[in-house]
Amino acid sequence: MSRILVVDDEPQILRALRINLAARGYEVAVAADGGSALREAADRRPDLIVLDLGLPDMDGVEVIHGVRGWSSVPIIVLSGRTGNQDKIDALDAGADDYVTKPFGVDELLARVRAVTRRTGSRESEPARVRIGEHVVDLADKTVSGDVRLTPTEWHILELLVRNPGKLISQRQLLSEVWGAQYVKETHYLRQYMAQLRRKLEREPAHPVHLITEPGMGYRFTP
């Protein structure tokens, strides 16, 4: 059973999520403000945190920073803020995913399952990942079908496929692949993602594995 901490100042959302998550076998704790969230996270050591950004005592991004000071627990932001900068700030602070309100419970539960699967498989990370008709061998750094990738293409692809289902921010990709001084050069990513899709996706114009989240980043969907 996974332990989930839900942080939101709206009682009806806390109640709805507690009921829906508990019905699916999760152990649920709740918190209505940032201070309580940080204490609950430290005391209960949840396997996942669902976090609202608009909390009464502090911004949710501060909670993310506080948790990330000592834990890598997955964090899914659930917020009414729809601006790209809010999403980018949360992802750059260390959030693993971002769901906007109003939200569908089924969508949120699918994100929860994806994150918990990914977390549970970290210790036994697969050596091979399938992308459509191709098999990516992470150990040998090869792609089946005689596909040749440049070192930069490989670096981007590896970051994505090692985190299936996770939204990887533009800033993180640019920083890790090119360096911190290139975090605003988003056109680099557009160019290289287009190249990867041409090589790996069956229909590059309609990708099903290498997905763009507009204004935020990219996601690998197995």
N, C-alpha and C. Protein backbone atom coordinates (compact mmCIF):
# COMPACT_ATOMS: atom_id res chain seq x y z
N MET A 1 0.85 -1.20 0.00
CA MET A 1 0.00 0.00 0.00
C MET A 1 0.88 1.25 0.00
N SER A 2 0.62 2.18 -0.92
CA SER A 2 1.37 3.42 -0.98
C SER A 2 0.75 4.46 -0.06
N ARG A 3 1.59 5.23 0.60
CA ARG A 3 1.13 6.32 1.47
C ARG A 3 1.14 7.62 0.68
N ILE A 4 0.00 8.30 0.64
CA ILE A 4 -0.13 9.54 -0.11
C ILE A 4 -0.53 10.67 0.83
N LEU A 5 0.17 11.78 0.73
CA LEU A 5 -0.17 12.99 1.48
C LEU A 5 -0.83 13.97 0.52
N VAL A 6 -2.06 14.37 0.83
CA VAL A 6 -2.81 15.34 0.01
C VAL A 6 -2.81 16.67 0.74
N VAL A 7 -2.35 17.72 0.06
CA VAL A 7 -2.24 19.04 0.67
C VAL A 7 -3.12 20.02 -0.11
N ASP A 8 -4.16 20.52 0.53
CA ASP A 8 -5.08 21.46 -0.13
C ASP A 8 -5.88 22.17 0.95
N ASP A 9 -6.20 23.45 0.73
CA ASP A 9 -6.97 24.19 1.73
C ASP A 9 -8.46 24.16 1.45
N GLU A 10 -8.89 23.40 0.46
CA GLU A 10 -10.31 23.27 0.16
C GLU A 10 -10.82 21.95 0.75
N PRO A 11 -11.65 22.01 1.80
CA PRO A 11 -12.10 20.78 2.48
C PRO A 11 -12.77 19.78 1.56
N GLN A 12 -13.54 20.27 0.57
CA GLN A 12 -14.25 19.34 -0.30
C GLN A 12 -13.28 18.56 -1.19
N ILE A 13 -12.18 19.19 -1.59
CA ILE A 13 -11.19 18.48 -2.39
C ILE A 13 -10.45 17.46 -1.54
N LEU A 14 -10.09 17.86 -0.31
CA LEU A 14 -9.44 16.90 0.59
C LEU A 14 -10.33 15.67 0.80
N ARG A 15 -11.60 15.92 1.04
CA ARG A 15 -12.52 14.81 1.30
C ARG A 15 -12.67 13.92 0.07
N ALA A 16 -12.84 14.54 -1.10
CA ALA A 16 -13.04 13.76 -2.33
C ALA A 16 -11.81 12.91 -2.65
N LEU A 17 -10.62 13.50 -2.51
CA LEU A 17 -9.41 12.75 -2.82
C LEU A 17 -9.16 11.66 -1.78
N ARG A 18 -9.43 11.96 -0.51
CA ARG A 18 -9.23 10.94 0.53
C ARG A 18 -10.12 9.73 0.25
N ILE A 19 -11.38 9.98 -0.12
CA ILE A 19 -12.31 8.89 -0.39
C ILE A 19 -11.87 8.09 -1.61
N ASN A 20 -11.55 8.80 -2.71
CA ASN A 20 -11.21 8.11 -3.95
C ASN A 20 -9.89 7.35 -3.85
N LEU A 21 -8.91 7.93 -3.18
CA LEU A 21 -7.62 7.25 -3.04
C LEU A 21 -7.72 6.07 -2.09
N ALA A 22 -8.43 6.25 -0.97
CA ALA A 22 -8.59 5.15 -0.02
C ALA A 22 -9.35 3.99 -0.64
N ALA A 23 -10.32 4.29 -1.51
CA ALA A 23 -11.10 3.24 -2.17
C ALA A 23 -10.23 2.40 -3.10
N ARG A 24 -9.11 2.96 -3.49
CA ARG A 24 -8.20 2.22 -4.39
C ARG A 24 -6.98 1.66 -3.65
N GLY A 25 -7.08 1.62 -2.34
CA GLY A 25 -6.07 0.93 -1.56
C GLY A 25 -4.93 1.77 -1.05
N TYR A 26 -4.99 3.10 -1.26
CA TYR A 26 -3.91 3.96 -0.77
C TYR A 26 -4.17 4.36 0.68
N GLU A 27 -3.10 4.52 1.42
CA GLU A 27 -3.18 5.07 2.77
C GLU A 27 -3.04 6.58 2.64
N VAL A 28 -4.02 7.34 3.11
CA VAL A 28 -4.10 8.77 2.83
C VAL A 28 -3.97 9.60 4.10
N ALA A 29 -3.08 10.61 4.04
CA ALA A 29 -3.01 11.64 5.07
C ALA A 29 -3.32 12.97 4.40
N VAL A 30 -3.84 13.94 5.15
CA VAL A 30 -4.20 15.22 4.56
C VAL A 30 -3.60 16.36 5.38
N ALA A 31 -3.41 17.49 4.70
CA ALA A 31 -2.95 18.71 5.34
C ALA A 31 -3.57 19.90 4.63
N ALA A 32 -3.95 20.94 5.40
CA ALA A 32 -4.66 22.08 4.84
C ALA A 32 -3.78 23.31 4.66
N ASP A 33 -2.51 23.23 5.05
CA ASP A 33 -1.61 24.37 4.86
C ASP A 33 -0.18 23.87 4.72
N GLY A 34 0.73 24.78 4.35
CA GLY A 34 2.10 24.39 4.07
C GLY A 34 2.86 23.89 5.27
N GLY A 35 2.68 24.55 6.41
CA GLY A 35 3.37 24.12 7.61
C GLY A 35 2.99 22.71 8.01
N SER A 36 1.69 22.43 7.99
CA SER A 36 1.22 21.09 8.33
C SER A 36 1.74 20.07 7.33
N ALA A 37 1.79 20.48 6.05
CA ALA A 37 2.28 19.58 5.01
C ALA A 37 3.73 19.17 5.26
N LEU A 38 4.57 20.14 5.61
CA LEU A 38 5.98 19.83 5.86
C LEU A 38 6.13 18.92 7.08
N ARG A 39 5.32 19.16 8.12
CA ARG A 39 5.40 18.30 9.31
C ARG A 39 4.91 16.89 8.99
N GLU A 40 3.80 16.79 8.26
CA GLU A 40 3.27 15.48 7.89
C GLU A 40 4.27 14.72 7.01
N ALA A 41 4.89 15.43 6.07
CA ALA A 41 5.85 14.78 5.18
C ALA A 41 7.03 14.24 5.98
N ALA A 42 7.50 15.00 6.97
CA ALA A 42 8.63 14.56 7.78
C ALA A 42 8.25 13.41 8.70
N ASP A 43 7.03 13.45 9.26
CA ASP A 43 6.61 12.43 10.23
C ASP A 43 6.17 11.13 9.57
N ARG A 44 5.39 11.26 8.48
CA ARG A 44 4.78 10.08 7.87
C ARG A 44 5.59 9.50 6.72
N ARG A 45 6.51 10.27 6.19
CA ARG A 45 7.33 9.82 5.05
C ARG A 45 6.46 9.20 3.95
N PRO A 46 5.59 9.99 3.32
CA PRO A 46 4.70 9.45 2.29
C PRO A 46 5.48 8.98 1.06
N ASP A 47 4.83 8.13 0.28
CA ASP A 47 5.42 7.66 -0.98
C ASP A 47 5.15 8.64 -2.11
N LEU A 48 4.17 9.54 -1.91
CA LEU A 48 3.81 10.52 -2.94
C LEU A 48 3.06 11.66 -2.27
N ILE A 49 3.23 12.88 -2.79
CA ILE A 49 2.52 14.06 -2.28
C ILE A 49 1.72 14.68 -3.42
N VAL A 50 0.44 14.94 -3.15
CA VAL A 50 -0.41 15.71 -4.06
C VAL A 50 -0.56 17.09 -3.43
N LEU A 51 -0.11 18.13 -4.13
CA LEU A 51 0.07 19.44 -3.50
C LEU A 51 -0.60 20.57 -4.26
N ASP A 52 -1.42 21.35 -3.57
CA ASP A 52 -1.97 22.59 -4.11
C ASP A 52 -0.93 23.70 -3.94
N LEU A 53 -0.92 24.67 -4.84
CA LEU A 53 0.04 25.77 -4.72
C LEU A 53 -0.50 26.92 -3.87
N GLY A 54 -1.81 27.16 -3.93
CA GLY A 54 -2.39 28.31 -3.24
C GLY A 54 -2.77 27.99 -1.81
N LEU A 55 -1.78 27.89 -0.94
CA LEU A 55 -2.02 27.55 0.45
C LEU A 55 -2.09 28.82 1.30
N PRO A 56 -2.78 28.79 2.44
CA PRO A 56 -3.01 30.02 3.21
C PRO A 56 -1.77 30.59 3.89
N ASP A 57 -0.79 29.77 4.22
CA ASP A 57 0.35 30.26 4.98
C ASP A 57 1.63 30.42 4.18
N MET A 58 1.74 29.71 3.04
CA MET A 58 2.92 29.84 2.20
C MET A 58 2.58 29.31 0.82
N ASP A 59 3.39 29.71 -0.15
CA ASP A 59 3.17 29.22 -1.51
C ASP A 59 3.58 27.77 -1.60
N GLY A 60 2.86 27.00 -2.44
CA GLY A 60 3.19 25.60 -2.59
C GLY A 60 4.60 25.36 -3.10
N VAL A 61 5.13 26.31 -3.88
CA VAL A 61 6.50 26.15 -4.36
C VAL A 61 7.48 26.13 -3.18
N GLU A 62 7.17 26.89 -2.14
CA GLU A 62 8.01 26.86 -0.94
C GLU A 62 7.96 25.49 -0.27
N VAL A 63 6.80 24.86 -0.30
CA VAL A 63 6.67 23.52 0.26
C VAL A 63 7.53 22.55 -0.54
N ILE A 64 7.50 22.68 -1.87
CA ILE A 64 8.33 21.80 -2.71
C ILE A 64 9.80 21.97 -2.35
N HIS A 65 10.24 23.22 -2.25
CA HIS A 65 11.64 23.47 -1.88
C HIS A 65 11.95 22.86 -0.51
N GLY A 66 11.01 23.01 0.44
CA GLY A 66 11.23 22.47 1.77
C GLY A 66 11.38 20.96 1.76
N VAL A 67 10.50 20.29 1.01
CA VAL A 67 10.57 18.82 0.93
C VAL A 67 11.83 18.38 0.20
N ARG A 68 12.16 19.09 -0.87
CA ARG A 68 13.32 18.69 -1.68
C ARG A 68 14.64 18.89 -0.92
N GLY A 69 14.60 19.62 0.19
CA GLY A 69 15.81 19.77 0.98
C GLY A 69 16.27 18.48 1.61
N TRP A 70 15.35 17.49 1.72
CA TRP A 70 15.74 16.23 2.38
C TRP A 70 15.13 15.00 1.73
N SER A 71 14.24 15.16 0.75
CA SER A 71 13.55 13.99 0.20
C SER A 71 13.36 14.11 -1.32
N SER A 72 13.36 12.96 -1.98
CA SER A 72 13.07 12.90 -3.42
C SER A 72 11.69 12.32 -3.68
N VAL A 73 10.82 12.32 -2.65
CA VAL A 73 9.46 11.79 -2.80
C VAL A 73 8.77 12.47 -3.99
N PRO A 74 8.08 11.70 -4.85
CA PRO A 74 7.38 12.31 -5.99
C PRO A 74 6.31 13.30 -5.53
N ILE A 75 6.20 14.40 -6.25
CA ILE A 75 5.21 15.43 -5.93
C ILE A 75 4.40 15.75 -7.19
N ILE A 76 3.09 15.60 -7.09
CA ILE A 76 2.17 16.00 -8.16
C ILE A 76 1.48 17.28 -7.71
N VAL A 77 1.67 18.35 -8.44
CA VAL A 77 1.00 19.61 -8.14
C VAL A 77 -0.42 19.57 -8.68
N LEU A 78 -1.38 19.95 -7.86
CA LEU A 78 -2.79 20.03 -8.24
C LEU A 78 -3.23 21.45 -7.95
N SER A 79 -3.35 22.27 -8.99
CA SER A 79 -3.53 23.70 -8.74
C SER A 79 -4.49 24.35 -9.74
N GLY A 80 -5.12 25.42 -9.27
CA GLY A 80 -5.97 26.22 -10.14
C GLY A 80 -5.19 27.21 -10.97
N ARG A 81 -3.90 27.34 -10.72
CA ARG A 81 -3.07 28.26 -11.50
C ARG A 81 -2.75 27.62 -12.85
N THR A 82 -3.15 28.31 -13.91
CA THR A 82 -2.97 27.74 -15.25
C THR A 82 -1.87 28.42 -16.05
N GLY A 83 -1.24 29.45 -15.48
CA GLY A 83 -0.18 30.15 -16.21
C GLY A 83 1.05 29.29 -16.36
N ASN A 84 1.70 29.40 -17.52
CA ASN A 84 2.88 28.60 -17.78
C ASN A 84 3.99 28.86 -16.77
N GLN A 85 4.14 30.13 -16.32
CA GLN A 85 5.22 30.43 -15.40
C GLN A 85 5.01 29.73 -14.06
N ASP A 86 3.75 29.64 -13.61
CA ASP A 86 3.47 28.91 -12.37
C ASP A 86 3.87 27.45 -12.51
N LYS A 87 3.55 26.87 -13.66
CA LYS A 87 3.88 25.47 -13.90
C LYS A 87 5.40 25.29 -13.95
N ILE A 88 6.06 26.18 -14.66
CA ILE A 88 7.52 26.10 -14.79
C ILE A 88 8.18 26.24 -13.43
N ASP A 89 7.71 27.19 -12.61
CA ASP A 89 8.29 27.39 -11.28
C ASP A 89 8.15 26.13 -10.43
N ALA A 90 6.98 25.51 -10.49
CA ALA A 90 6.76 24.30 -9.70
C ALA A 90 7.64 23.15 -10.17
N LEU A 91 7.73 22.98 -11.48
CA LEU A 91 8.56 21.90 -12.03
C LEU A 91 10.03 22.14 -11.73
N ASP A 92 10.47 23.39 -11.88
CA ASP A 92 11.87 23.70 -11.60
C ASP A 92 12.20 23.53 -10.12
N ALA A 93 11.20 23.73 -9.25
CA ALA A 93 11.43 23.54 -7.81
C ALA A 93 11.57 22.08 -7.44
N GLY A 94 11.08 21.19 -8.33
CA GLY A 94 11.23 19.77 -8.06
C GLY A 94 9.96 18.95 -8.16
N ALA A 95 8.84 19.56 -8.61
CA ALA A 95 7.61 18.79 -8.81
C ALA A 95 7.80 17.80 -9.94
N ASP A 96 7.10 16.67 -9.85
CA ASP A 96 7.20 15.64 -10.88
C ASP A 96 6.13 15.76 -11.95
N ASP A 97 5.01 16.38 -11.61
CA ASP A 97 3.93 16.52 -12.59
C ASP A 97 3.03 17.66 -12.14
N TYR A 98 2.13 18.10 -13.04
CA TYR A 98 1.29 19.26 -12.78
C TYR A 98 -0.09 19.00 -13.38
N VAL A 99 -1.11 19.03 -12.55
CA VAL A 99 -2.49 18.86 -12.99
C VAL A 99 -3.26 20.11 -12.61
N THR A 100 -4.02 20.67 -13.55
CA THR A 100 -4.74 21.91 -13.28
C THR A 100 -6.18 21.63 -12.85
N LYS A 101 -6.69 22.50 -11.98
CA LYS A 101 -8.09 22.46 -11.56
C LYS A 101 -8.92 23.28 -12.55
N PRO A 102 -10.18 22.91 -12.79
CA PRO A 102 -10.82 21.68 -12.31
C PRO A 102 -10.21 20.46 -12.98
N PHE A 103 -10.22 19.35 -12.28
CA PHE A 103 -9.55 18.16 -12.77
C PHE A 103 -10.49 16.97 -12.72
N GLY A 104 -10.20 15.98 -13.54
CA GLY A 104 -10.93 14.72 -13.49
C GLY A 104 -10.22 13.77 -12.54
N VAL A 105 -10.98 13.14 -11.66
CA VAL A 105 -10.37 12.23 -10.70
C VAL A 105 -9.64 11.10 -11.42
N ASP A 106 -10.22 10.61 -12.52
CA ASP A 106 -9.59 9.51 -13.26
C ASP A 106 -8.22 9.93 -13.80
N GLU A 107 -8.13 11.18 -14.30
CA GLU A 107 -6.85 11.66 -14.80
C GLU A 107 -5.83 11.74 -13.67
N LEU A 108 -6.24 12.29 -12.53
CA LEU A 108 -5.31 12.39 -11.41
C LEU A 108 -4.86 11.02 -10.95
N LEU A 109 -5.78 10.08 -10.86
CA LEU A 109 -5.43 8.73 -10.44
C LEU A 109 -4.47 8.07 -11.43
N ALA A 110 -4.65 8.36 -12.72
CA ALA A 110 -3.72 7.82 -13.71
C ALA A 110 -2.32 8.40 -13.51
N ARG A 111 -2.24 9.70 -13.19
CA ARG A 111 -0.93 10.32 -12.91
C ARG A 111 -0.31 9.71 -11.66
N VAL A 112 -1.15 9.47 -10.64
CA VAL A 112 -0.65 8.85 -9.40
C VAL A 112 -0.09 7.46 -9.70
N ARG A 113 -0.83 6.67 -10.48
CA ARG A 113 -0.35 5.32 -10.81
C ARG A 113 0.95 5.38 -11.58
N ALA A 114 1.04 6.31 -12.53
CA ALA A 114 2.26 6.42 -13.33
C ALA A 114 3.46 6.77 -12.46
N VAL A 115 3.26 7.71 -11.54
CA VAL A 115 4.37 8.13 -10.68
C VAL A 115 4.77 7.01 -9.73
N THR A 116 3.78 6.32 -9.13
CA THR A 116 4.12 5.25 -8.19
C THR A 116 4.77 4.07 -8.91
N ARG A 117 4.35 3.78 -10.15
CA ARG A 117 5.02 2.73 -10.92
C ARG A 117 6.46 3.10 -11.18
N ARG A 118 6.65 4.35 -11.58
CA ARG A 118 8.01 4.81 -11.90
C ARG A 118 8.89 4.77 -10.65
N THR A 119 8.35 5.19 -9.53
CA THR A 119 9.12 5.19 -8.29
C THR A 119 9.46 3.77 -7.86
N GLY A 120 8.49 2.88 -8.01
CA GLY A 120 8.72 1.50 -7.59
C GLY A 120 9.71 0.76 -8.46
N SER A 121 9.92 1.26 -9.68
CA SER A 121 10.82 0.55 -10.60
C SER A 121 12.21 1.18 -10.65
N ARG A 122 12.46 2.22 -9.84
CA ARG A 122 13.74 2.90 -9.93
C ARG A 122 14.91 1.97 -9.61
N GLU A 123 14.72 1.08 -8.61
CA GLU A 123 15.82 0.23 -8.22
C GLU A 123 16.11 -0.83 -9.26
N SER A 124 15.12 -1.23 -10.05
CA SER A 124 15.32 -2.23 -11.09
C SER A 124 15.00 -1.63 -12.45
N GLU A 125 15.68 -0.57 -12.77
CA GLU A 125 15.42 0.16 -14.00
C GLU A 125 15.67 -0.72 -15.21
N PRO A 126 14.74 -0.77 -16.16
CA PRO A 126 14.92 -1.65 -17.31
C PRO A 126 16.08 -1.20 -18.19
N ALA A 127 16.76 -2.19 -18.76
CA ALA A 127 17.88 -1.89 -19.65
C ALA A 127 17.41 -1.55 -21.05
N ARG A 128 16.19 -1.99 -21.38
CA ARG A 128 15.66 -1.75 -22.72
C ARG A 128 14.28 -1.14 -22.63
N VAL A 129 14.03 -0.17 -23.50
CA VAL A 129 12.74 0.52 -23.53
C VAL A 129 12.25 0.53 -24.97
N ARG A 130 10.98 0.20 -25.17
CA ARG A 130 10.41 0.18 -26.53
C ARG A 130 9.76 1.52 -26.83
N ILE A 131 10.07 2.05 -28.02
CA ILE A 131 9.39 3.25 -28.54
C ILE A 131 8.84 2.87 -29.90
N GLY A 132 7.57 2.54 -29.95
CA GLY A 132 6.97 2.12 -31.20
C GLY A 132 7.64 0.88 -31.74
N GLU A 133 8.22 0.97 -32.94
CA GLU A 133 8.86 -0.18 -33.58
C GLU A 133 10.31 -0.35 -33.16
N HIS A 134 10.81 0.56 -32.34
CA HIS A 134 12.23 0.55 -31.98
C HIS A 134 12.44 0.16 -30.52
N VAL A 135 13.59 -0.45 -30.26
CA VAL A 135 14.00 -0.78 -28.89
C VAL A 135 15.25 0.02 -28.55
N VAL A 136 15.14 0.79 -27.47
CA VAL A 136 16.26 1.60 -27.00
C VAL A 136 16.99 0.81 -25.92
N ASP A 137 18.26 0.51 -26.16
CA ASP A 137 19.08 -0.22 -25.20
C ASP A 137 19.89 0.80 -24.41
N LEU A 138 19.51 1.01 -23.14
CA LEU A 138 20.15 2.04 -22.34
C LEU A 138 21.57 1.64 -21.92
N ALA A 139 21.81 0.34 -21.82
CA ALA A 139 23.14 -0.10 -21.43
C ALA A 139 24.14 0.05 -22.57
N ASP A 140 23.74 -0.40 -23.77
CA ASP A 140 24.64 -0.34 -24.92
C ASP A 140 24.56 0.99 -25.67
N LYS A 141 23.58 1.82 -25.30
CA LYS A 141 23.36 3.10 -25.96
C LYS A 141 23.15 2.92 -27.46
N THR A 142 22.22 2.01 -27.79
CA THR A 142 21.89 1.75 -29.19
C THR A 142 20.38 1.76 -29.37
N VAL A 143 19.95 1.93 -30.63
CA VAL A 143 18.54 1.87 -30.99
C VAL A 143 18.40 0.88 -32.13
N SER A 144 17.43 -0.02 -32.02
CA SER A 144 17.23 -1.02 -33.06
C SER A 144 16.79 -0.37 -34.36
N GLY A 145 16.86 -1.15 -35.43
CA GLY A 145 16.44 -0.65 -36.73
C GLY A 145 17.49 0.21 -37.39
N ASP A 146 18.74 0.06 -36.96
CA ASP A 146 19.86 0.81 -37.53
C ASP A 146 19.65 2.32 -37.41
N VAL A 147 19.01 2.75 -36.31
CA VAL A 147 18.81 4.17 -36.06
C VAL A 147 20.08 4.73 -35.41
N ARG A 148 20.56 5.83 -35.94
CA ARG A 148 21.75 6.48 -35.40
C ARG A 148 21.36 7.80 -34.73
N LEU A 149 21.76 7.95 -33.48
CA LEU A 149 21.49 9.19 -32.76
C LEU A 149 22.79 9.93 -32.49
N THR A 150 22.72 11.26 -32.53
CA THR A 150 23.86 12.07 -32.14
C THR A 150 23.99 12.03 -30.62
N PRO A 151 25.15 12.38 -30.06
CA PRO A 151 25.27 12.41 -28.60
C PRO A 151 24.23 13.28 -27.92
N THR A 152 23.90 14.43 -28.52
CA THR A 152 22.90 15.31 -27.93
C THR A 152 21.51 14.68 -27.98
N GLU A 153 21.16 14.07 -29.11
CA GLU A 153 19.88 13.39 -29.21
C GLU A 153 19.78 12.28 -28.18
N TRP A 154 20.87 11.52 -28.03
CA TRP A 154 20.85 10.43 -27.06
C TRP A 154 20.66 10.95 -25.64
N HIS A 155 21.33 12.03 -25.28
CA HIS A 155 21.24 12.59 -23.93
C HIS A 155 19.79 13.00 -23.62
N ILE A 156 19.15 13.66 -24.57
CA ILE A 156 17.75 14.07 -24.38
C ILE A 156 16.86 12.84 -24.24
N LEU A 157 17.03 11.89 -25.15
CA LEU A 157 16.19 10.69 -25.13
C LEU A 157 16.37 9.91 -23.83
N GLU A 158 17.60 9.79 -23.37
CA GLU A 158 17.88 9.04 -22.15
C GLU A 158 17.20 9.69 -20.94
N LEU A 159 17.25 11.01 -20.85
CA LEU A 159 16.59 11.70 -19.74
C LEU A 159 15.09 11.42 -19.74
N LEU A 160 14.50 11.35 -20.92
CA LEU A 160 13.06 11.13 -21.01
C LEU A 160 12.69 9.68 -20.71
N VAL A 161 13.38 8.72 -21.35
CA VAL A 161 12.96 7.33 -21.21
C VAL A 161 13.30 6.76 -19.83
N ARG A 162 14.26 7.36 -19.13
CA ARG A 162 14.55 6.90 -17.77
C ARG A 162 13.51 7.41 -16.77
N ASN A 163 12.61 8.27 -17.25
CA ASN A 163 11.55 8.81 -16.39
C ASN A 163 10.20 8.69 -17.08
N PRO A 164 9.77 7.47 -17.39
CA PRO A 164 8.52 7.29 -18.15
C PRO A 164 7.33 7.93 -17.46
N GLY A 165 6.58 8.69 -18.23
CA GLY A 165 5.38 9.34 -17.69
C GLY A 165 5.64 10.63 -16.99
N LYS A 166 6.89 10.93 -16.66
CA LYS A 166 7.20 12.15 -15.90
C LYS A 166 7.36 13.33 -16.85
N LEU A 167 6.81 14.47 -16.45
CA LEU A 167 7.00 15.71 -17.19
C LEU A 167 8.36 16.29 -16.85
N ILE A 168 9.25 16.35 -17.83
CA ILE A 168 10.59 16.91 -17.65
C ILE A 168 10.56 18.35 -18.18
N SER A 169 10.87 19.30 -17.33
CA SER A 169 10.75 20.70 -17.73
C SER A 169 11.79 21.08 -18.78
N GLN A 170 11.46 22.10 -19.57
CA GLN A 170 12.40 22.62 -20.56
C GLN A 170 13.69 23.04 -19.88
N ARG A 171 13.55 23.71 -18.75
CA ARG A 171 14.73 24.21 -18.03
C ARG A 171 15.66 23.07 -17.62
N GLN A 172 15.07 21.98 -17.11
CA GLN A 172 15.89 20.85 -16.68
C GLN A 172 16.62 20.22 -17.86
N LEU A 173 15.92 20.01 -18.97
CA LEU A 173 16.54 19.42 -20.15
C LEU A 173 17.67 20.30 -20.67
N LEU A 174 17.40 21.59 -20.79
CA LEU A 174 18.43 22.50 -21.31
C LEU A 174 19.63 22.56 -20.38
N SER A 175 19.38 22.59 -19.08
CA SER A 175 20.47 22.68 -18.12
C SER A 175 21.32 21.42 -18.13
N GLU A 176 20.68 20.25 -18.17
CA GLU A 176 21.43 19.00 -18.09
C GLU A 176 22.13 18.65 -19.40
N VAL A 177 21.54 19.04 -20.52
CA VAL A 177 22.13 18.67 -21.81
C VAL A 177 23.14 19.71 -22.28
N TRP A 178 22.78 21.01 -22.16
CA TRP A 178 23.66 22.05 -22.69
C TRP A 178 24.39 22.85 -21.60
N GLY A 179 23.80 22.93 -20.41
CA GLY A 179 24.41 23.71 -19.35
C GLY A 179 23.49 24.82 -18.88
N ALA A 180 23.73 25.31 -17.66
CA ALA A 180 22.84 26.29 -17.03
C ALA A 180 22.73 27.58 -17.82
N GLN A 181 23.75 27.92 -18.60
CA GLN A 181 23.72 29.18 -19.34
C GLN A 181 22.79 29.11 -20.56
N TYR A 182 22.22 27.92 -20.84
CA TYR A 182 21.37 27.76 -22.02
C TYR A 182 19.90 27.54 -21.67
N VAL A 183 19.49 27.86 -20.43
CA VAL A 183 18.15 27.50 -20.00
C VAL A 183 17.04 28.26 -20.72
N LYS A 184 17.37 29.30 -21.45
CA LYS A 184 16.35 30.05 -22.20
C LYS A 184 16.32 29.69 -23.68
N GLU A 185 17.21 28.82 -24.11
CA GLU A 185 17.31 28.49 -25.54
C GLU A 185 16.35 27.36 -25.90
N THR A 186 15.05 27.61 -25.75
CA THR A 186 14.06 26.55 -25.96
C THR A 186 14.01 26.08 -27.41
N HIS A 187 14.49 26.91 -28.35
CA HIS A 187 14.48 26.48 -29.75
C HIS A 187 15.41 25.29 -29.97
N TYR A 188 16.43 25.14 -29.12
CA TYR A 188 17.28 23.96 -29.21
C TYR A 188 16.45 22.69 -29.04
N LEU A 189 15.61 22.71 -28.01
CA LEU A 189 14.79 21.54 -27.71
C LEU A 189 13.81 21.25 -28.84
N ARG A 190 13.17 22.28 -29.37
CA ARG A 190 12.21 22.06 -30.45
C ARG A 190 12.89 21.38 -31.63
N GLN A 191 14.10 21.83 -31.96
CA GLN A 191 14.82 21.27 -33.09
C GLN A 191 15.19 19.81 -32.85
N TYR A 192 15.74 19.52 -31.67
CA TYR A 192 16.19 18.15 -31.41
C TYR A 192 15.03 17.19 -31.18
N MET A 193 13.95 17.65 -30.57
CA MET A 193 12.79 16.79 -30.41
C MET A 193 12.19 16.44 -31.76
N ALA A 194 12.18 17.40 -32.68
CA ALA A 194 11.69 17.12 -34.03
C ALA A 194 12.56 16.05 -34.70
N GLN A 195 13.87 16.12 -34.50
CA GLN A 195 14.78 15.13 -35.08
C GLN A 195 14.52 13.75 -34.47
N LEU A 196 14.36 13.70 -33.15
CA LEU A 196 14.09 12.42 -32.50
C LEU A 196 12.79 11.80 -32.98
N ARG A 197 11.77 12.63 -33.14
CA ARG A 197 10.49 12.10 -33.62
C ARG A 197 10.60 11.55 -35.03
N ARG A 198 11.36 12.23 -35.88
CA ARG A 198 11.52 11.74 -37.24
C ARG A 198 12.21 10.38 -37.25
N LYS A 199 13.08 10.15 -36.30
CA LYS A 199 13.83 8.89 -36.25
C LYS A 199 13.08 7.78 -35.53
N LEU A 200 12.21 8.13 -34.56
CA LEU A 200 11.63 7.11 -33.69
C LEU A 200 10.12 6.96 -33.75
N GLU A 201 9.42 8.03 -34.06
CA GLU A 201 7.96 7.96 -34.09
C GLU A 201 7.46 7.46 -35.44
N ARG A 202 6.40 6.66 -35.42
CA ARG A 202 5.82 6.18 -36.68
C ARG A 202 5.25 7.34 -37.48
N GLU A 203 4.58 8.27 -36.80
CA GLU A 203 4.06 9.48 -37.45
C GLU A 203 4.62 10.68 -36.69
N PRO A 204 5.76 11.21 -37.14
CA PRO A 204 6.42 12.30 -36.40
C PRO A 204 5.53 13.52 -36.14
N ALA A 205 4.59 13.79 -37.06
CA ALA A 205 3.70 14.94 -36.88
C ALA A 205 2.63 14.67 -35.83
N HIS A 206 2.44 13.41 -35.48
CA HIS A 206 1.44 13.03 -34.48
C HIS A 206 2.08 12.05 -33.50
N PRO A 207 3.03 12.52 -32.70
CA PRO A 207 3.77 11.63 -31.81
C PRO A 207 2.89 11.03 -30.71
N VAL A 208 3.19 9.80 -30.35
CA VAL A 208 2.46 9.14 -29.26
C VAL A 208 3.39 8.77 -28.12
N HIS A 209 4.70 8.91 -28.30
CA HIS A 209 5.65 8.55 -27.25
C HIS A 209 6.46 9.75 -26.75
N LEU A 210 6.88 10.61 -27.64
CA LEU A 210 7.69 11.77 -27.26
C LEU A 210 6.78 12.99 -27.32
N ILE A 211 6.18 13.31 -26.19
CA ILE A 211 5.06 14.25 -26.13
C ILE A 211 5.52 15.62 -25.65
N THR A 212 5.01 16.66 -26.30
CA THR A 212 5.25 18.04 -25.87
C THR A 212 4.13 18.49 -24.94
N GLU A 213 4.52 19.06 -23.79
CA GLU A 213 3.56 19.74 -22.91
C GLU A 213 3.81 21.23 -23.12
N PRO A 214 2.96 21.90 -23.92
CA PRO A 214 3.24 23.28 -24.36
C PRO A 214 3.62 24.22 -23.23
N GLY A 215 4.74 24.91 -23.40
CA GLY A 215 5.19 25.89 -22.43
C GLY A 215 5.84 25.31 -21.21
N MET A 216 5.84 23.99 -21.06
CA MET A 216 6.35 23.39 -19.83
C MET A 216 7.52 22.46 -20.09
N GLY A 217 7.37 21.49 -20.98
CA GLY A 217 8.45 20.56 -21.19
C GLY A 217 8.00 19.38 -22.03
N TYR A 218 8.59 18.22 -21.74
CA TYR A 218 8.35 17.04 -22.56
C TYR A 218 8.15 15.82 -21.67
N ARG A 219 7.46 14.82 -22.25
CA ARG A 219 7.13 13.61 -21.49
C ARG A 219 7.28 12.40 -22.40
N PHE A 220 7.91 11.35 -21.89
CA PHE A 220 7.95 10.07 -22.62
C PHE A 220 6.80 9.20 -22.14
N THR A 221 5.95 8.80 -23.09
CA THR A 221 4.83 7.91 -22.79
C THR A 221 5.11 6.56 -23.41
N PRO A 222 5.29 5.52 -22.61
CA PRO A 222 5.61 4.19 -23.16
C PRO A 222 4.51 3.67 -24.09
